[in-house]
């Protein structure tokens, strides 16, 4: 049986073109994705089944690790565990 620690999310490392990597909490990443989706008119088909931007962002955060923001622009995120 897998250890439950494998499903814990301490933070996400977020990568964007021409930007340094940034560490965000799950809440901060969710907010960033919501803001990106809110400004988009061409939402991917798999996200259209959700009725709110919050649901779309949560699904995207949990099921993907990359989102095309614009031609040549992307957002990537990966779960990381921070040790003290």
PDB file of N, CA and C in Angstrom:
ATOM      1  N   UNK A   1       0.850  -1.182   0.000  1.00  0.00           N
ATOM      2  CA  UNK A   1       0.000   0.000   0.000  1.00  0.00           C
ATOM      3  C   UNK A   1       0.893   1.241   0.000  1.00  0.00           C
ATOM      4  N   UNK A   2       0.576   2.228  -0.852  1.00  0.00           N
ATOM      5  CA  UNK A   2       1.408   3.439  -0.910  1.00  0.00           C
ATOM      6  C   UNK A   2       1.352   4.232   0.390  1.00  0.00           C
ATOM      7  N   UNK A   3       2.451   4.875   0.669  1.00  0.00           N
ATOM      8  CA  UNK A   3       2.538   5.739   1.836  1.00  0.00           C
ATOM      9  C   UNK A   3       1.729   7.018   1.571  1.00  0.00           C
ATOM     10  N   UNK A   4       0.959   7.475   2.551  1.00  0.00           N
ATOM     11  CA  UNK A   4       0.115   8.653   2.379  1.00  0.00           C
ATOM     12  C   UNK A   4       0.923   9.921   2.122  1.00  0.00           C
ATOM     13  N   UNK A   5       2.193   9.922   2.481  1.00  0.00           N
ATOM     14  CA  UNK A   5       3.025  11.112   2.245  1.00  0.00           C
ATOM     15  C   UNK A   5       3.175  11.386   0.749  1.00  0.00           C
ATOM     16  N   UNK A   6       2.986  10.356  -0.076  1.00  0.00           N
ATOM     17  CA  UNK A   6       3.113  10.555  -1.521  1.00  0.00           C
ATOM     18  C   UNK A   6       2.026  11.470  -2.068  1.00  0.00           C
ATOM     19  N   UNK A   7       0.945  11.649  -1.325  1.00  0.00           N
ATOM     20  CA  UNK A   7      -0.169  12.458  -1.803  1.00  0.00           C
ATOM     21  C   UNK A   7      -0.248  13.814  -1.111  1.00  0.00           C
ATOM     22  N   UNK A   8       0.775  14.170  -0.352  1.00  0.00           N
ATOM     23  CA  UNK A   8       0.807  15.462   0.318  1.00  0.00           C
ATOM     24  C   UNK A   8       1.458  16.496  -0.593  1.00  0.00           C
ATOM     25  N   UNK A   9       0.892  17.674  -0.610  1.00  0.00           N
ATOM     26  CA  UNK A   9       1.416  18.746  -1.442  1.00  0.00           C
ATOM     27  C   UNK A   9       1.917  19.872  -0.546  1.00  0.00           C
ATOM     28  N   UNK A  10       3.211  20.032  -0.464  1.00  0.00           N
ATOM     29  CA  UNK A  10       3.766  21.148   0.304  1.00  0.00           C
ATOM     30  C   UNK A  10       3.704  22.432  -0.510  1.00  0.00           C
ATOM     31  N   UNK A  11       4.140  22.316  -1.750  1.00  0.00           N
ATOM     32  CA  UNK A  11       4.221  23.492  -2.615  1.00  0.00           C
ATOM     33  C   UNK A  11       4.307  23.036  -4.060  1.00  0.00           C
ATOM     34  N   UNK A  12       4.259  24.006  -4.942  1.00  0.00           N
ATOM     35  CA  UNK A  12       4.442  23.757  -6.366  1.00  0.00           C
ATOM     36  C   UNK A  12       5.571  24.657  -6.850  1.00  0.00           C
ATOM     37  N   UNK A  13       6.399  24.119  -7.718  1.00  0.00           N
ATOM     38  CA  UNK A  13       7.357  24.964  -8.414  1.00  0.00           C
ATOM     39  C   UNK A  13       6.682  25.316  -9.735  1.00  0.00           C
ATOM     40  N   UNK A  14       6.666  26.602 -10.047  1.00  0.00           N
ATOM     41  CA  UNK A  14       5.974  27.098 -11.229  1.00  0.00           C
ATOM     42  C   UNK A  14       7.000  27.705 -12.177  1.00  0.00           C
ATOM     43  N   UNK A  15       6.910  27.289 -13.441  1.00  0.00           N
ATOM     44  CA  UNK A  15       7.838  27.748 -14.463  1.00  0.00           C
ATOM     45  C   UNK A  15       7.086  28.502 -15.550  1.00  0.00           C
ATOM     46  N   UNK A  16       7.647  29.653 -15.927  1.00  0.00           N
ATOM     47  CA  UNK A  16       7.112  30.456 -17.020  1.00  0.00           C
ATOM     48  C   UNK A  16       8.286  30.916 -17.872  1.00  0.00           C
ATOM     49  N   UNK A  17       8.078  31.132 -19.182  1.00  0.00           N
ATOM     50  CA  UNK A  17       9.179  31.569 -20.036  1.00  0.00           C
ATOM     51  C   UNK A  17       9.774  32.894 -19.548  1.00  0.00           C
ATOM     52  N   UNK A  18      11.070  32.971 -19.594  1.00  0.00           N
ATOM     53  CA  UNK A  18      11.807  34.193 -19.246  1.00  0.00           C
ATOM     54  C   UNK A  18      11.556  34.674 -17.816  1.00  0.00           C
ATOM     55  N   UNK A  19      11.165  33.775 -16.924  1.00  0.00           N
ATOM     56  CA  UNK A  19      10.936  34.112 -15.522  1.00  0.00           C
ATOM     57  C   UNK A  19      11.698  33.120 -14.642  1.00  0.00           C
ATOM     58  N   UNK A  20      12.162  33.543 -13.488  1.00  0.00           N
ATOM     59  CA  UNK A  20      12.777  32.575 -12.576  1.00  0.00           C
ATOM     60  C   UNK A  20      11.706  31.646 -11.999  1.00  0.00           C
ATOM     61  N   UNK A  21      12.113  30.462 -11.594  1.00  0.00           N
ATOM     62  CA  UNK A  21      11.143  29.542 -10.987  1.00  0.00           C
ATOM     63  C   UNK A  21      10.602  30.150  -9.702  1.00  0.00           C
ATOM     64  N   UNK A  22       9.343  29.839  -9.422  1.00  0.00           N
ATOM     65  CA  UNK A  22       8.650  30.392  -8.262  1.00  0.00           C
ATOM     66  C   UNK A  22       8.010  29.235  -7.502  1.00  0.00           C
ATOM     67  N   UNK A  23       8.060  29.286  -6.186  1.00  0.00           N
ATOM     68  CA  UNK A  23       7.383  28.304  -5.347  1.00  0.00           C
ATOM     69  C   UNK A  23       6.073  28.910  -4.862  1.00  0.00           C
ATOM     70  N   UNK A  24       4.965  28.187  -5.099  1.00  0.00           N
ATOM     71  CA  UNK A  24       3.645  28.647  -4.682  1.00  0.00           C
ATOM     72  C   UNK A  24       2.974  27.581  -3.833  1.00  0.00           C
ATOM     73  N   UNK A  25       2.160  28.023  -2.908  1.00  0.00           N
ATOM     74  CA  UNK A  25       1.331  27.090  -2.146  1.00  0.00           C
ATOM     75  C   UNK A  25       0.224  26.585  -3.071  1.00  0.00           C
ATOM     76  N   UNK A  26      -0.446  25.493  -2.724  1.00  0.00           N
ATOM     77  CA  UNK A  26      -1.565  25.033  -3.548  1.00  0.00           C
ATOM     78  C   UNK A  26      -2.630  26.115  -3.750  1.00  0.00           C
ATOM     79  N   UNK A  27      -2.898  26.896  -2.715  1.00  0.00           N
ATOM     80  CA  UNK A  27      -3.898  27.961  -2.813  1.00  0.00           C
ATOM     81  C   UNK A  27      -3.449  29.063  -3.785  1.00  0.00           C
ATOM     82  N   UNK A  28      -2.160  29.391  -3.732  1.00  0.00           N
ATOM     83  CA  UNK A  28      -1.635  30.425  -4.629  1.00  0.00           C
ATOM     84  C   UNK A  28      -1.656  29.971  -6.088  1.00  0.00           C
ATOM     85  N   UNK A  29      -1.311  28.701  -6.329  1.00  0.00           N
ATOM     86  CA  UNK A  29      -1.360  28.181  -7.691  1.00  0.00           C
ATOM     87  C   UNK A  29      -2.793  28.149  -8.195  1.00  0.00           C
ATOM     88  N   UNK A  30      -3.715  27.730  -7.356  1.00  0.00           N
ATOM     89  CA  UNK A  30      -5.122  27.701  -7.740  1.00  0.00           C
ATOM     90  C   UNK A  30      -5.599  29.098  -8.124  1.00  0.00           C
ATOM     91  N   UNK A  31      -5.225  30.089  -7.349  1.00  0.00           N
ATOM     92  CA  UNK A  31      -5.600  31.471  -7.649  1.00  0.00           C
ATOM     93  C   UNK A  31      -4.985  31.937  -8.968  1.00  0.00           C
ATOM     94  N   UNK A  32      -3.728  31.575  -9.211  1.00  0.00           N
ATOM     95  CA  UNK A  32      -3.061  31.952 -10.465  1.00  0.00           C
ATOM     96  C   UNK A  32      -3.774  31.323 -11.655  1.00  0.00           C
ATOM     97  N   UNK A  33      -4.122  30.053 -11.556  1.00  0.00           N
ATOM     98  CA  UNK A  33      -4.827  29.381 -12.638  1.00  0.00           C
ATOM     99  C   UNK A  33      -6.215  29.980 -12.857  1.00  0.00           C
ATOM    100  N   UNK A  34      -6.905  30.309 -11.774  1.00  0.00           N
ATOM    101  CA  UNK A  34      -8.220  30.946 -11.895  1.00  0.00           C
ATOM    102  C   UNK A  34      -8.106  32.268 -12.649  1.00  0.00           C
ATOM    103  N   UNK A  35      -7.092  33.068 -12.325  1.00  0.00           N
ATOM    104  CA  UNK A  35      -6.903  34.359 -13.001  1.00  0.00           C
ATOM    105  C   UNK A  35      -6.606  34.173 -14.486  1.00  0.00           C
ATOM    106  N   UNK A  36      -5.817  33.169 -14.812  1.00  0.00           N
ATOM    107  CA  UNK A  36      -5.513  32.896 -16.220  1.00  0.00           C
ATOM    108  C   UNK A  36      -6.769  32.459 -16.957  1.00  0.00           C
ATOM    109  N   UNK A  37      -7.526  31.539 -16.364  1.00  0.00           N
ATOM    110  CA  UNK A  37      -8.737  31.033 -17.014  1.00  0.00           C
ATOM    111  C   UNK A  37      -9.808  32.110 -17.126  1.00  0.00           C
ATOM    112  N   UNK A  38      -9.879  32.978 -16.160  1.00  0.00           N
ATOM    113  CA  UNK A  38     -10.883  34.048 -16.158  1.00  0.00           C
ATOM    114  C   UNK A  38     -10.678  34.988 -17.344  1.00  0.00           C
ATOM    115  N   UNK A  39      -9.444  35.181 -17.746  1.00  0.00           N
ATOM    116  CA  UNK A  39      -9.111  36.088 -18.848  1.00  0.00           C
ATOM    117  C   UNK A  39      -9.180  35.420 -20.218  1.00  0.00           C
ATOM    118  N   UNK A  40      -9.452  34.113 -20.260  1.00  0.00           N
ATOM    119  CA  UNK A  40      -9.451  33.369 -21.516  1.00  0.00           C
ATOM    120  C   UNK A  40     -10.854  33.215 -22.072  1.00  0.00           C
ATOM    121  N   UNK A  41     -10.952  33.296 -23.373  1.00  0.00           N
ATOM    122  CA  UNK A  41     -12.226  33.011 -24.032  1.00  0.00           C
ATOM    123  C   UNK A  41     -12.205  31.631 -24.668  1.00  0.00           C
ATOM    124  N   UNK A  42     -11.023  31.149 -25.016  1.00  0.00           N
ATOM    125  CA  UNK A  42     -10.878  29.845 -25.675  1.00  0.00           C
ATOM    126  C   UNK A  42     -10.438  28.776 -24.675  1.00  0.00           C
ATOM    127  N   UNK A  43     -11.340  28.413 -23.792  1.00  0.00           N
ATOM    128  CA  UNK A  43     -11.043  27.416 -22.760  1.00  0.00           C
ATOM    129  C   UNK A  43     -11.012  26.031 -23.400  1.00  0.00           C
ATOM    130  N   UNK A  44     -10.035  25.208 -23.041  1.00  0.00           N
ATOM    131  CA  UNK A  44      -9.967  23.854 -23.592  1.00  0.00           C
ATOM    132  C   UNK A  44     -11.257  23.064 -23.346  1.00  0.00           C
ATOM    133  N   UNK A  45     -11.553  22.179 -24.266  1.00  0.00           N
ATOM    134  CA  UNK A  45     -12.800  21.420 -24.236  1.00  0.00           C
ATOM    135  C   UNK A  45     -13.009  20.648 -22.930  1.00  0.00           C
ATOM    136  N   UNK A  46     -11.949  20.028 -22.403  1.00  0.00           N
ATOM    137  CA  UNK A  46     -12.117  19.230 -21.184  1.00  0.00           C
ATOM    138  C   UNK A  46     -12.460  20.081 -19.964  1.00  0.00           C
ATOM    139  N   UNK A  47     -12.224  21.388 -20.028  1.00  0.00           N
ATOM    140  CA  UNK A  47     -12.563  22.268 -18.899  1.00  0.00           C
ATOM    141  C   UNK A  47     -13.978  22.837 -19.017  1.00  0.00           C
ATOM    142  N   UNK A  48     -14.545  22.794 -20.201  1.00  0.00           N
ATOM    143  CA  UNK A  48     -15.869  23.377 -20.414  1.00  0.00           C
ATOM    144  C   UNK A  48     -16.971  22.649 -19.659  1.00  0.00           C
ATOM    145  N   UNK A  49     -16.721  21.418 -19.256  1.00  0.00           N
ATOM    146  CA  UNK A  49     -17.756  20.660 -18.531  1.00  0.00           C
ATOM    147  C   UNK A  49     -17.967  21.177 -17.102  1.00  0.00           C
ATOM    148  N   UNK A  50     -17.045  22.001 -16.616  1.00  0.00           N
ATOM    149  CA  UNK A  50     -17.171  22.552 -15.274  1.00  0.00           C
ATOM    150  C   UNK A  50     -17.854  23.914 -15.342  1.00  0.00           C
ATOM    151  N   UNK A  51     -18.730  24.175 -14.391  1.00  0.00           N
ATOM    152  CA  UNK A  51     -19.550  25.381 -14.458  1.00  0.00           C
ATOM    153  C   UNK A  51     -18.869  26.630 -13.898  1.00  0.00           C
ATOM    154  N   UNK A  52     -17.851  26.476 -13.063  1.00  0.00           N
ATOM    155  CA  UNK A  52     -17.193  27.654 -12.484  1.00  0.00           C
ATOM    156  C   UNK A  52     -15.699  27.658 -12.821  1.00  0.00           C
ATOM    157  N   UNK A  53     -15.122  28.831 -12.796  1.00  0.00           N
ATOM    158  CA  UNK A  53     -13.686  28.974 -13.035  1.00  0.00           C
ATOM    159  C   UNK A  53     -12.899  28.249 -11.943  1.00  0.00           C
ATOM    160  N   UNK A  54     -13.398  28.291 -10.706  1.00  0.00           N
ATOM    161  CA  UNK A  54     -12.730  27.600  -9.605  1.00  0.00           C
ATOM    162  C   UNK A  54     -12.644  26.098  -9.839  1.00  0.00           C
ATOM    163  N   UNK A  55     -13.725  25.502 -10.313  1.00  0.00           N
ATOM    164  CA  UNK A  55     -13.729  24.066 -10.609  1.00  0.00           C
ATOM    165  C   UNK A  55     -12.787  23.751 -11.768  1.00  0.00           C
ATOM    166  N   UNK A  56     -12.784  24.618 -12.778  1.00  0.00           N
ATOM    167  CA  UNK A  56     -11.892  24.427 -13.919  1.00  0.00           C
ATOM    168  C   UNK A  56     -10.433  24.478 -13.476  1.00  0.00           C
ATOM    169  N   UNK A  57     -10.094  25.451 -12.666  1.00  0.00           N
ATOM    170  CA  UNK A  57      -8.719  25.614 -12.197  1.00  0.00           C
ATOM    171  C   UNK A  57      -8.294  24.434 -11.323  1.00  0.00           C
ATOM    172  N   UNK A  58      -9.169  23.979 -10.452  1.00  0.00           N
ATOM    173  CA  UNK A  58      -8.847  22.839  -9.581  1.00  0.00           C
ATOM    174  C   UNK A  58      -8.599  21.575 -10.400  1.00  0.00           C
ATOM    175  N   UNK A  59      -9.458  21.329 -11.384  1.00  0.00           N
ATOM    176  CA  UNK A  59      -9.269  20.167 -12.256  1.00  0.00           C
ATOM    177  C   UNK A  59      -7.942  20.278 -13.003  1.00  0.00           C
ATOM    178  N   UNK A  60      -7.650  21.448 -13.549  1.00  0.00           N
ATOM    179  CA  UNK A  60      -6.415  21.658 -14.289  1.00  0.00           C
ATOM    180  C   UNK A  60      -5.206  21.436 -13.386  1.00  0.00           C
ATOM    181  N   UNK A  61      -5.253  21.973 -12.186  1.00  0.00           N
ATOM    182  CA  UNK A  61      -4.148  21.844 -11.241  1.00  0.00           C
ATOM    183  C   UNK A  61      -3.902  20.378 -10.873  1.00  0.00           C
ATOM    184  N   UNK A  62      -4.967  19.598 -10.722  1.00  0.00           N
ATOM    185  CA  UNK A  62      -4.835  18.215 -10.268  1.00  0.00           C
ATOM    186  C   UNK A  62      -4.602  17.214 -11.396  1.00  0.00           C
ATOM    187  N   UNK A  63      -4.910  17.591 -12.632  1.00  0.00           N
ATOM    188  CA  UNK A  63      -4.833  16.607 -13.710  1.00  0.00           C
ATOM    189  C   UNK A  63      -3.770  16.924 -14.758  1.00  0.00           C
ATOM    190  N   UNK A  64      -3.141  18.073 -14.673  1.00  0.00           N
ATOM    191  CA  UNK A  64      -2.142  18.471 -15.668  1.00  0.00           C
ATOM    192  C   UNK A  64      -0.926  19.060 -14.971  1.00  0.00           C
ATOM    193  N   UNK A  65       0.059  19.375 -15.768  1.00  0.00           N
ATOM    194  CA  UNK A  65       1.227  20.075 -15.225  1.00  0.00           C
ATOM    195  C   UNK A  65       1.687  21.164 -16.180  1.00  0.00           C
ATOM    196  N   UNK A  66       0.888  21.438 -17.222  1.00  0.00           N
ATOM    197  CA  UNK A  66       1.245  22.481 -18.169  1.00  0.00           C
ATOM    198  C   UNK A  66      -0.012  23.051 -18.796  1.00  0.00           C
ATOM    199  N   UNK A  67       0.025  24.343 -19.075  1.00  0.00           N
ATOM    200  CA  UNK A  67      -1.100  25.003 -19.722  1.00  0.00           C
ATOM    201  C   UNK A  67      -0.549  26.050 -20.681  1.00  0.00           C
ATOM    202  N   UNK A  68      -0.998  26.005 -21.934  1.00  0.00           N
ATOM    203  CA  UNK A  68      -0.594  27.002 -22.918  1.00  0.00           C
ATOM    204  C   UNK A  68      -1.383  28.273 -22.674  1.00  0.00           C
ATOM    205  N   UNK A  69      -0.679  29.326 -22.342  1.00  0.00           N
ATOM    206  CA  UNK A  69      -1.311  30.596 -22.025  1.00  0.00           C
ATOM    207  C   UNK A  69      -1.555  31.405 -23.300  1.00  0.00           C
ATOM    208  N   UNK A  70      -0.584  31.378 -24.204  1.00  0.00           N
ATOM    209  CA  UNK A  70      -0.656  32.083 -25.481  1.00  0.00           C
ATOM    210  C   UNK A  70       0.363  31.411 -26.402  1.00  0.00           C
ATOM    211  N   UNK A  71       0.350  31.734 -27.679  1.00  0.00           N
ATOM    212  CA  UNK A  71       1.359  31.137 -28.564  1.00  0.00           C
ATOM    213  C   UNK A  71       2.779  31.405 -28.052  1.00  0.00           C
ATOM    214  N   UNK A  72       3.508  30.331 -27.823  1.00  0.00           N
ATOM    215  CA  UNK A  72       4.864  30.451 -27.309  1.00  0.00           C
ATOM    216  C   UNK A  72       4.959  30.738 -25.825  1.00  0.00           C
ATOM    217  N   UNK A  73       3.854  30.861 -25.147  1.00  0.00           N
ATOM    218  CA  UNK A  73       3.822  31.126 -23.708  1.00  0.00           C
ATOM    219  C   UNK A  73       3.130  29.959 -23.002  1.00  0.00           C
ATOM    220  N   UNK A  74       3.685  29.528 -21.928  1.00  0.00           N
ATOM    221  CA  UNK A  74       3.126  28.398 -21.196  1.00  0.00           C
ATOM    222  C   UNK A  74       3.336  28.607 -19.697  1.00  0.00           C
ATOM    223  N   UNK A  75       2.633  27.801 -18.950  1.00  0.00           N
ATOM    224  CA  UNK A  75       2.787  27.760 -17.502  1.00  0.00           C
ATOM    225  C   UNK A  75       2.939  26.290 -17.140  1.00  0.00           C
ATOM    226  N   UNK A  76       3.983  25.940 -16.415  1.00  0.00           N
ATOM    227  CA  UNK A  76       4.201  24.571 -15.951  1.00  0.00           C
ATOM    228  C   UNK A  76       4.281  24.576 -14.439  1.00  0.00           C
ATOM    229  N   UNK A  77       3.774  23.499 -13.812  1.00  0.00           N
ATOM    230  CA  UNK A  77       3.837  23.390 -12.357  1.00  0.00           C
ATOM    231  C   UNK A  77       4.062  21.946 -11.958  1.00  0.00           C
ATOM    232  N   UNK A  78       4.822  21.783 -10.888  1.00  0.00           N
ATOM    233  CA  UNK A  78       5.176  20.459 -10.381  1.00  0.00           C
ATOM    234  C   UNK A  78       5.101  20.481  -8.856  1.00  0.00           C
ATOM    235  N   UNK A  79       4.541  19.431  -8.300  1.00  0.00           N
ATOM    236  CA  UNK A  79       4.454  19.312  -6.844  1.00  0.00           C
ATOM    237  C   UNK A  79       5.847  19.062  -6.285  1.00  0.00           C
ATOM    238  N   UNK A  80       6.164  19.752  -5.213  1.00  0.00           N
ATOM    239  CA  UNK A  80       7.425  19.540  -4.497  1.00  0.00           C
ATOM    240  C   UNK A  80       7.144  19.427  -3.016  1.00  0.00           C
ATOM    241  N   UNK A  81       7.955  18.662  -2.329  1.00  0.00           N
ATOM    242  CA  UNK A  81       7.879  18.583  -0.872  1.00  0.00           C
ATOM    243  C   UNK A  81       9.072  19.316  -0.313  1.00  0.00           C
ATOM    244  N   UNK A  82       8.822  20.229   0.562  1.00  0.00           N
ATOM    245  CA  UNK A  82       9.887  21.035   1.156  1.00  0.00           C
ATOM    246  C   UNK A  82      10.299  20.427   2.488  1.00  0.00           C
ATOM    247  N   UNK A  83      11.585  20.197   2.647  1.00  0.00           N
ATOM    248  CA  UNK A  83      12.080  19.664   3.915  1.00  0.00           C
ATOM    249  C   UNK A  83      12.615  20.798   4.750  1.00  0.00           C
ATOM    250  N   UNK A  84      12.459  20.656   6.054  1.00  0.00           N
ATOM    251  CA  UNK A  84      12.949  21.683   6.972  1.00  0.00           C
ATOM    252  C   UNK A  84      14.308  21.311   7.486  1.00  0.00           C
TER     253      UNK A  84
END
